[in-house]
PDB file of N, CA and C in Angstrom:
ATOM      1  N   MET A   1      90.933  86.331 122.854  1.00  0.00           N
ATOM      2  CA  MET A   1      91.625  86.432 121.940  1.00  0.00           C
ATOM      3  C   MET A   1      91.367  86.640 120.307  1.00  0.00           C
ATOM      4  N   LYS A   2      91.677  87.393 119.460  1.00  0.00           N
ATOM      5  CA  LYS A   2      91.605  87.545 118.150  1.00  0.00           C
ATOM      6  C   LYS A   2      92.425  88.038 117.081  1.00  0.00           C
ATOM      7  N   ALA A   3      92.950  86.850 116.054  1.00  0.00           N
ATOM      8  CA  ALA A   3      93.884  87.045 114.857  1.00  0.00           C
ATOM      9  C   ALA A   3      93.435  87.738 113.718  1.00  0.00           C
ATOM     10  N   LYS A   4      94.008  88.349 112.792  1.00  0.00           N
ATOM     11  CA  LYS A   4      93.816  89.346 111.554  1.00  0.00           C
ATOM     12  C   LYS A   4      94.870  88.731 111.069  1.00  0.00           C
ATOM     13  N   VAL A   5      94.787  87.789 109.850  1.00  0.00           N
ATOM     14  CA  VAL A   5      95.478  87.649 108.603  1.00  0.00           C
ATOM     15  C   VAL A   5      95.314  88.630 107.637  1.00  0.00           C
ATOM     16  N   THR A   6      95.853  89.533 106.810  1.00  0.00           N
ATOM     17  CA  THR A   6      95.560  89.628 105.904  1.00  0.00           C
ATOM     18  C   THR A   6      96.881  89.394 104.717  1.00  0.00           C
ATOM     19  N   VAL A   7      95.823  88.999 103.726  1.00  0.00           N
ATOM     20  CA  VAL A   7      97.163  87.965 102.676  1.00  0.00           C
ATOM     21  C   VAL A   7      96.674  88.949 101.548  1.00  0.00           C
ATOM     22  N   MET A   8      98.182  89.388 100.835  1.00  0.00           N
ATOM     23  CA  MET A   8      97.831  90.219  99.511  1.00  0.00           C
ATOM     24  C   MET A   8      98.841  89.836  98.752  1.00  0.00           C
ATOM     25  N   PRO A   9      98.487  89.788  97.075  1.00  0.00           N
ATOM     26  CA  PRO A   9      99.576  89.688  96.600  1.00  0.00           C
ATOM     27  C   PRO A   9     100.744  90.444  96.603  1.00  0.00           C
ATOM     28  N   LYS A  10     101.933  89.763  96.352  1.00  0.00           N
ATOM     29  CA  LYS A  10     103.596  89.920  96.344  1.00  0.00           C
ATOM     30  C   LYS A  10     103.691  91.357  95.280  1.00  0.00           C
ATOM     31  N   GLN A  11     104.412  92.068  95.792  1.00  0.00           N
ATOM     32  CA  GLN A  11     104.556  93.232  95.199  1.00  0.00           C
ATOM     33  C   GLN A  11     104.635  93.071  93.299  1.00  0.00           C
ATOM     34  N   SER A  12     105.652  91.776  93.239  1.00  0.00           N
ATOM     35  CA  SER A  12     105.613  91.446  91.608  1.00  0.00           C
ATOM     36  C   SER A  12     105.385  90.502  91.513  1.00  0.00           C
ATOM     37  N   VAL A  13     103.815  90.619  91.759  1.00  0.00           N
ATOM     38  CA  VAL A  13     102.952  89.705  91.059  1.00  0.00           C
ATOM     39  C   VAL A  13     101.811  90.051  90.426  1.00  0.00           C
ATOM     40  N   LEU A  14     101.557  90.133  89.424  1.00  0.00           N
ATOM     41  CA  LEU A  14     100.268  90.999  88.686  1.00  0.00           C
ATOM     42  C   LEU A  14      99.211  90.572  89.619  1.00  0.00           C
ATOM     43  N   ASP A  15      98.422  91.747  89.811  1.00  0.00           N
ATOM     44  CA  ASP A  15      97.067  91.715  90.527  1.00  0.00           C
ATOM     45  C   ASP A  15      96.218  91.822  89.116  1.00  0.00           C
ATOM     46  N   PRO A  16      95.384  90.716  88.827  1.00  0.00           N
ATOM     47  CA  PRO A  16      94.821  91.577  87.694  1.00  0.00           C
ATOM     48  C   PRO A  16      93.037  91.623  88.605  1.00  0.00           C
ATOM     49  N   GLN A  17      92.673  91.108  89.863  1.00  0.00           N
ATOM     50  CA  GLN A  17      91.784  92.372  90.176  1.00  0.00           C
ATOM     51  C   GLN A  17      91.970  93.415  90.691  1.00  0.00           C
ATOM     52  N   GLY A  18      93.327  93.654  91.162  1.00  0.00           N
ATOM     53  CA  GLY A  18      93.562  95.121  91.514  1.00  0.00           C
ATOM     54  C   GLY A  18      93.147  95.987  90.188  1.00  0.00           C
ATOM     55  N   VAL A  19      93.936  95.707  88.960  1.00  0.00           N
ATOM     56  CA  VAL A  19      94.010  96.302  87.676  1.00  0.00           C
ATOM     57  C   VAL A  19      91.938  96.333  87.616  1.00  0.00           C
ATOM     58  N   ALA A  20      91.078  95.799  88.157  1.00  0.00           N
ATOM     59  CA  ALA A  20      89.635  95.302  87.070  1.00  0.00           C
ATOM     60  C   ALA A  20      88.971  96.633  88.155  1.00  0.00           C
ATOM     61  N   VAL A  21      89.308  96.746  89.137  1.00  0.00           N
ATOM     62  CA  VAL A  21      89.163  97.423  90.262  1.00  0.00           C
ATOM     63  C   VAL A  21      89.279  98.848  90.135  1.00  0.00           C
ATOM     64  N   ARG A  22      90.978  99.330  89.787  1.00  0.00           N
ATOM     65  CA  ARG A  22      91.245 100.435  88.878  1.00  0.00           C
ATOM     66  C   ARG A  22      90.407 100.955  87.823  1.00  0.00           C
ATOM     67  N   GLY A  23      90.418  99.904  87.422  1.00  0.00           N
ATOM     68  CA  GLY A  23      89.721 100.872  85.847  1.00  0.00           C
ATOM     69  C   GLY A  23      88.136 101.331  86.275  1.00  0.00           C
ATOM     70  N   ALA A  24      87.339 100.080  87.083  1.00  0.00           N
ATOM     71  CA  ALA A  24      85.548 100.565  87.503  1.00  0.00           C
ATOM     72  C   ALA A  24      86.164 101.576  88.087  1.00  0.00           C
ATOM     73  N   LEU A  25      86.972 101.633  89.159  1.00  0.00           N
ATOM     74  CA  LEU A  25      87.209 103.083  89.613  1.00  0.00           C
ATOM     75  C   LEU A  25      87.270 104.482  89.477  1.00  0.00           C
ATOM     76  N   GLU A  26      88.517 103.847  88.541  1.00  0.00           N
ATOM     77  CA  GLU A  26      88.494 105.284  87.344  1.00  0.00           C
ATOM     78  C   GLU A  26      86.649 105.467  86.354  1.00  0.00           C
ATOM     79  N   HIS A  27      85.955 104.581  86.022  1.00  0.00           N
ATOM     80  CA  HIS A  27      84.700 104.499  85.233  1.00  0.00           C
ATOM     81  C   HIS A  27      84.155 105.256  86.206  1.00  0.00           C
ATOM     82  N   LEU A  28      83.529 104.772  87.591  1.00  0.00           N
ATOM     83  CA  LEU A  28      83.087 105.894  88.353  1.00  0.00           C
ATOM     84  C   LEU A  28      83.108 107.122  88.744  1.00  0.00           C
ATOM     85  N   GLY A  29      84.811 107.282  88.088  1.00  0.00           N
ATOM     86  CA  GLY A  29      85.101 109.124  88.349  1.00  0.00           C
ATOM     87  C   GLY A  29      85.816 109.542  88.930  1.00  0.00           C
ATOM     88  N   LEU A  30      86.550 108.428  89.517  1.00  0.00           N
ATOM     89  CA  LEU A  30      88.031 108.055  90.249  1.00  0.00           C
ATOM     90  C   LEU A  30      88.948 108.323  89.646  1.00  0.00           C
ATOM     91  N   SER A  31      89.743 109.744  90.038  1.00  0.00           N
ATOM     92  CA  SER A  31      90.722 110.049  88.870  1.00  0.00           C
ATOM     93  C   SER A  31      91.898 110.160  89.629  1.00  0.00           C
ATOM     94  N   ALA A  32      92.681 110.001  89.322  1.00  0.00           N
ATOM     95  CA  ALA A  32      94.621 110.375  89.676  1.00  0.00           C
ATOM     96  C   ALA A  32      94.890 108.954  90.371  1.00  0.00           C
ATOM     97  N   LEU A  33      93.866 107.719  90.322  1.00  0.00           N
ATOM     98  CA  LEU A  33      94.572 106.681  91.188  1.00  0.00           C
ATOM     99  C   LEU A  33      96.336 106.045  90.765  1.00  0.00           C
ATOM    100  N   GLY A  34      96.783 105.266  91.412  1.00  0.00           N
ATOM    101  CA  GLY A  34      97.655 104.648  91.739  1.00  0.00           C
ATOM    102  C   GLY A  34      97.389 103.653  91.486  1.00  0.00           C
ATOM    103  N   THR A  35      98.034 102.660  92.299  1.00  0.00           N
ATOM    104  CA  THR A  35      98.525 100.991  92.417  1.00  0.00           C
ATOM    105  C   THR A  35      96.939 100.526  92.826  1.00  0.00           C
ATOM    106  N   VAL A  36      96.140  99.933  92.709  1.00  0.00           N
ATOM    107  CA  VAL A  36      94.972  99.038  92.921  1.00  0.00           C
ATOM    108  C   VAL A  36      95.324  97.645  93.461  1.00  0.00           C
ATOM    109  N   ARG A  37      95.362  97.429  94.831  1.00  0.00           N
ATOM    110  CA  ARG A  37      95.594  95.758  94.790  1.00  0.00           C
ATOM    111  C   ARG A  37      94.368  95.539  95.953  1.00  0.00           C
ATOM    112  N   VAL A  38      94.288  94.031  95.696  1.00  0.00           N
ATOM    113  CA  VAL A  38      93.075  92.998  95.960  1.00  0.00           C
ATOM    114  C   VAL A  38      93.456  92.197  97.051  1.00  0.00           C
ATOM    115  N   GLY A  39      92.956  92.294  98.550  1.00  0.00           N
ATOM    116  CA  GLY A  39      93.824  90.658  98.998  1.00  0.00           C
ATOM    117  C   GLY A  39      92.124  90.434  99.910  1.00  0.00           C
ATOM    118  N   LYS A  40      92.771  89.554 101.387  1.00  0.00           N
ATOM    119  CA  LYS A  40      91.266  89.175 101.895  1.00  0.00           C
ATOM    120  C   LYS A  40      91.933  89.592 103.044  1.00  0.00           C
ATOM    121  N   LEU A  41      90.652  89.214 103.552  1.00  0.00           N
ATOM    122  CA  LEU A  41      91.285  89.690 105.662  1.00  0.00           C
ATOM    123  C   LEU A  41      90.535  88.519 105.942  1.00  0.00           C
ATOM    124  N   ILE A  42      91.198  87.886 107.196  1.00  0.00           N
ATOM    125  CA  ILE A  42      90.878  86.462 107.558  1.00  0.00           C
ATOM    126  C   ILE A  42      91.064  86.899 109.242  1.00  0.00           C
ATOM    127  N   GLU A  43      89.782  87.095 110.098  1.00  0.00           N
ATOM    128  CA  GLU A  43      89.653  86.960 111.100  1.00  0.00           C
ATOM    129  C   GLU A  43      89.183  85.656 111.743  1.00  0.00           C
ATOM    130  N   ILE A  44      90.352  85.525 112.999  1.00  0.00           N
ATOM    131  CA  ILE A  44      89.799  83.793 113.508  1.00  0.00           C
ATOM    132  C   ILE A  44      89.783  84.455 115.358  1.00  0.00           C
ATOM    133  N   GLN A  45      88.521  83.672 115.586  1.00  0.00           N
ATOM    134  CA  GLN A  45      88.179  84.581 116.971  1.00  0.00           C
ATOM    135  C   GLN A  45      88.659  83.283 118.271  1.00  0.00           C
ATOM    136  N   PHE A  46      89.282  82.860 118.886  1.00  0.00           N
ATOM    137  CA  PHE A  46      89.396  82.291 120.056  1.00  0.00           C
ATOM    138  C   PHE A  46      89.169  82.107 121.272  1.00  0.00           C
ATOM    139  N   ASP A  47      88.589  81.068 122.087  1.00  0.00           N
ATOM    140  CA  ASP A  47      88.342  81.140 123.331  1.00  0.00           C
ATOM    141  C   ASP A  47      89.310  81.462 124.150  1.00  0.00           C
ATOM    142  N   ASP A  48      89.266  81.726 125.427  1.00  0.00           N
ATOM    143  CA  ASP A  48      90.460  82.094 126.337  1.00  0.00           C
ATOM    144  C   ASP A  48      91.603  81.290 126.162  1.00  0.00           C
ATOM    145  N   PRO A  49      93.135  81.084 125.119  1.00  0.00           N
ATOM    146  CA  PRO A  49      93.636  80.279 125.400  1.00  0.00           C
ATOM    147  C   PRO A  49      94.602  79.659 126.471  1.00  0.00           C
ATOM    148  N   GLY A  50      93.970  80.452 127.655  1.00  0.00           N
ATOM    149  CA  GLY A  50      95.107  80.276 129.390  1.00  0.00           C
ATOM    150  C   GLY A  50      96.205  80.998 128.934  1.00  0.00           C
ATOM    151  N   PRO A  51      97.289  80.975 130.158  1.00  0.00           N
ATOM    152  CA  PRO A  51      98.453  80.943 130.772  1.00  0.00           C
ATOM    153  C   PRO A  51      99.373  80.363 129.674  1.00  0.00           C
ATOM    154  N   GLY A  52     100.485  81.159 129.329  1.00  0.00           N
ATOM    155  CA  GLY A  52     101.698  80.539 128.914  1.00  0.00           C
ATOM    156  C   GLY A  52     101.492  79.791 127.068  1.00  0.00           C
ATOM    157  N   SER A  53     100.304  79.976 126.461  1.00  0.00           N
ATOM    158  CA  SER A  53      99.934  79.157 125.547  1.00  0.00           C
ATOM    159  C   SER A  53      99.691  80.211 124.256  1.00  0.00           C
ATOM    160  N   ILE A  54      99.951  81.524 124.415  1.00  0.00           N
ATOM    161  CA  ILE A  54      99.493  82.058 123.242  1.00  0.00           C
ATOM    162  C   ILE A  54     100.965  82.746 122.188  1.00  0.00           C
ATOM    163  N   GLU A  55     101.921  82.018 122.792  1.00  0.00           N
ATOM    164  CA  GLU A  55     103.415  81.862 121.945  1.00  0.00           C
ATOM    165  C   GLU A  55     102.914  80.852 121.279  1.00  0.00           C
ATOM    166  N   ALA A  56     102.389  79.591 121.618  1.00  0.00           N
ATOM    167  CA  ALA A  56     102.163  78.004 120.731  1.00  0.00           C
ATOM    168  C   ALA A  56     101.490  78.601 119.341  1.00  0.00           C
ATOM    169  N   ILE A  57      99.811  79.383 120.137  1.00  0.00           N
ATOM    170  CA  ILE A  57      99.056  79.915 119.398  1.00  0.00           C
ATOM    171  C   ILE A  57      99.861  80.177 118.068  1.00  0.00           C
ATOM    172  N   GLU A  58     100.685  81.383 118.465  1.00  0.00           N
ATOM    173  CA  GLU A  58     100.717  82.292 116.832  1.00  0.00           C
ATOM    174  C   GLU A  58     101.760  81.261 116.380  1.00  0.00           C
ATOM    175  N   GLN A  59     102.742  80.340 117.007  1.00  0.00           N
ATOM    176  CA  GLN A  59     104.090  79.872 116.021  1.00  0.00           C
ATOM    177  C   GLN A  59     102.362  79.005 115.298  1.00  0.00           C
ATOM    178  N   ARG A  60     101.812  78.383 115.594  1.00  0.00           N
ATOM    179  CA  ARG A  60     100.684  77.621 114.850  1.00  0.00           C
ATOM    180  C   ARG A  60     100.101  78.183 113.547  1.00  0.00           C
ATOM    181  N   LEU A  61      99.514  79.365 113.838  1.00  0.00           N
ATOM    182  CA  LEU A  61      98.899  80.525 113.673  1.00  0.00           C
ATOM    183  C   LEU A  61     100.155  80.586 112.229  1.00  0.00           C
ATOM    184  N   HIS A  62     101.226  80.616 112.537  1.00  0.00           N
ATOM    185  CA  HIS A  62     102.343  81.386 111.514  1.00  0.00           C
ATOM    186  C   HIS A  62     102.373  79.792 110.476  1.00  0.00           C
ATOM    187  N   ALA A  63     102.325  78.878 110.761  1.00  0.00           N
ATOM    188  CA  ALA A  63     102.307  77.598 110.144  1.00  0.00           C
ATOM    189  C   ALA A  63     101.184  77.672 109.181  1.00  0.00           C
ATOM    190  N   ALA A  64      99.715  77.659 110.087  1.00  0.00           N
ATOM    191  CA  ALA A  64      98.615  77.966 109.086  1.00  0.00           C
ATOM    192  C   ALA A  64      98.793  78.775 108.125  1.00  0.00           C
ATOM    193  N   CYS A  65      99.075  80.030 108.174  1.00  0.00           N
ATOM    194  CA  CYS A  65      99.127  80.979 106.964  1.00  0.00           C
ATOM    195  C   CYS A  65     100.032  80.886 106.347  1.00  0.00           C
ATOM    196  N   HIS A  66     101.632  79.841 106.567  1.00  0.00           N
ATOM    197  CA  HIS A  66     102.240  80.056 104.918  1.00  0.00           C
ATOM    198  C   HIS A  66     101.474  78.446 104.461  1.00  0.00           C
ATOM    199  N   GLU A  67     100.680  77.222 105.217  1.00  0.00           N
ATOM    200  CA  GLU A  67     100.461  76.323 104.614  1.00  0.00           C
ATOM    201  C   GLU A  67      98.863  76.492 104.177  1.00  0.00           C
ATOM    202  N   LEU A  68      98.258  77.315 104.342  1.00  0.00           N
ATOM    203  CA  LEU A  68      96.614  77.153 104.727  1.00  0.00           C
ATOM    204  C   LEU A  68      96.565  78.194 103.604  1.00  0.00           C
ATOM    205  N   LEU A  69      96.489  79.352 104.530  1.00  0.00           N
ATOM    206  CA  LEU A  69      95.603  80.626 104.021  1.00  0.00           C
ATOM    207  C   LEU A  69      96.137  81.622 103.372  1.00  0.00           C
ATOM    208  N   SER A  70      97.446  81.522 102.766  1.00  0.00           N
ATOM    209  CA  SER A  70      98.265  81.957 102.026  1.00  0.00           C
ATOM    210  C   SER A  70      98.625  81.045 100.794  1.00  0.00           C
ATOM    211  N   ASN A  71      99.334  81.344  99.440  1.00  0.00           N
ATOM    212  CA  ASN A  71     100.040  81.075  98.978  1.00  0.00           C
ATOM    213  C   ASN A  71     101.162  81.739  98.962  1.00  0.00           C
ATOM    214  N   PRO A  72     102.716  81.128  99.674  1.00  0.00           N
ATOM    215  CA  PRO A  72     103.743  81.652  99.897  1.00  0.00           C
ATOM    216  C   PRO A  72     104.538  82.152  98.567  1.00  0.00           C
ATOM    217  N   VAL A  73     103.939  81.485  96.898  1.00  0.00           N
ATOM    218  CA  VAL A  73     104.535  81.438  96.307  1.00  0.00           C
ATOM    219  C   VAL A  73     104.265  83.535  95.654  1.00  0.00           C
ATOM    220  N   ILE A  74     102.990  83.567  95.546  1.00  0.00           N
ATOM    221  CA  ILE A  74     102.538  84.744  95.005  1.00  0.00           C
ATOM    222  C   ILE A  74     101.832  85.881  95.330  1.00  0.00           C
ATOM    223  N   GLU A  75     101.714  85.101  97.332  1.00  0.00           N
ATOM    224  CA  GLU A  75     101.188  86.277  98.309  1.00  0.00           C
ATOM    225  C   GLU A  75     102.261  86.610  99.826  1.00  0.00           C
ATOM    226  N   ASP A  76     101.792  87.812 100.009  1.00  0.00           N
ATOM    227  CA  ASP A  76     102.552  87.377 101.688  1.00  0.00           C
ATOM    228  C   ASP A  76     101.514  87.790 102.691  1.00  0.00           C
ATOM    229  N   TYR A  77     101.351  87.248 103.539  1.00  0.00           N
ATOM    230  CA  TYR A  77     100.629  87.854 104.671  1.00  0.00           C
ATOM    231  C   TYR A  77     101.378  88.380 106.084  1.00  0.00           C
ATOM    232  N   ARG A  78     100.081  88.583 106.899  1.00  0.00           N
ATOM    233  CA  ARG A  78     101.052  89.918 107.581  1.00  0.00           C
ATOM    234  C   ARG A  78      99.348  89.294 109.149  1.00  0.00           C
ATOM    235  N   LEU A  79     100.260  89.067 109.971  1.00  0.00           N
ATOM    236  CA  LEU A  79      99.564  88.277 111.080  1.00  0.00           C
ATOM    237  C   LEU A  79      99.552  88.846 112.308  1.00  0.00           C
ATOM    238  N   GLU A  80      98.603  89.154 112.709  1.00  0.00           N
ATOM    239  CA  GLU A  80      97.951  90.634 113.771  1.00  0.00           C
ATOM    240  C   GLU A  80      97.109  89.658 115.054  1.00  0.00           C
ATOM    241  N   ILE A  81      97.470  89.991 116.234  1.00  0.00           N
ATOM    242  CA  ILE A  81      96.732  88.919 117.212  1.00  0.00           C
ATOM    243  C   ILE A  81      96.367  90.426 118.447  1.00  0.00           C
ATOM    244  N   GLU A  82      95.483  90.338 118.622  1.00  0.00           N
ATOM    245  CA  GLU A  82      94.818  91.066 119.468  1.00  0.00           C
ATOM    246  C   GLU A  82      94.613  90.168 120.912  1.00  0.00           C
ATOM    247  N   ARG A  83      94.880  90.650 122.328  1.00  0.00           N
ATOM    248  CA  ARG A  83      94.392  90.121 123.529  1.00  0.00           C
ATOM    249  C   ARG A  83      93.632  90.580 124.324  1.00  0.00           C
TER     250      ARG A  83
END
């Protein structure tokens, strides 16, 4: 089982990294750019969790995303689980 956590700045929060990347992309000749946002992807590989425990792991992952992997004040996260 693999979990993928994507953490991105909230839409209402200024993303200085995104602004810097957008400027660099324009400098490289890419034009007509919209908003650029920079986030992070965290992949977590699990050994076989056994029957019936996937839901418990998913609940713990949501708690970990909220408490450790993201800053809920300025970031949103998306959790995807591949079984």
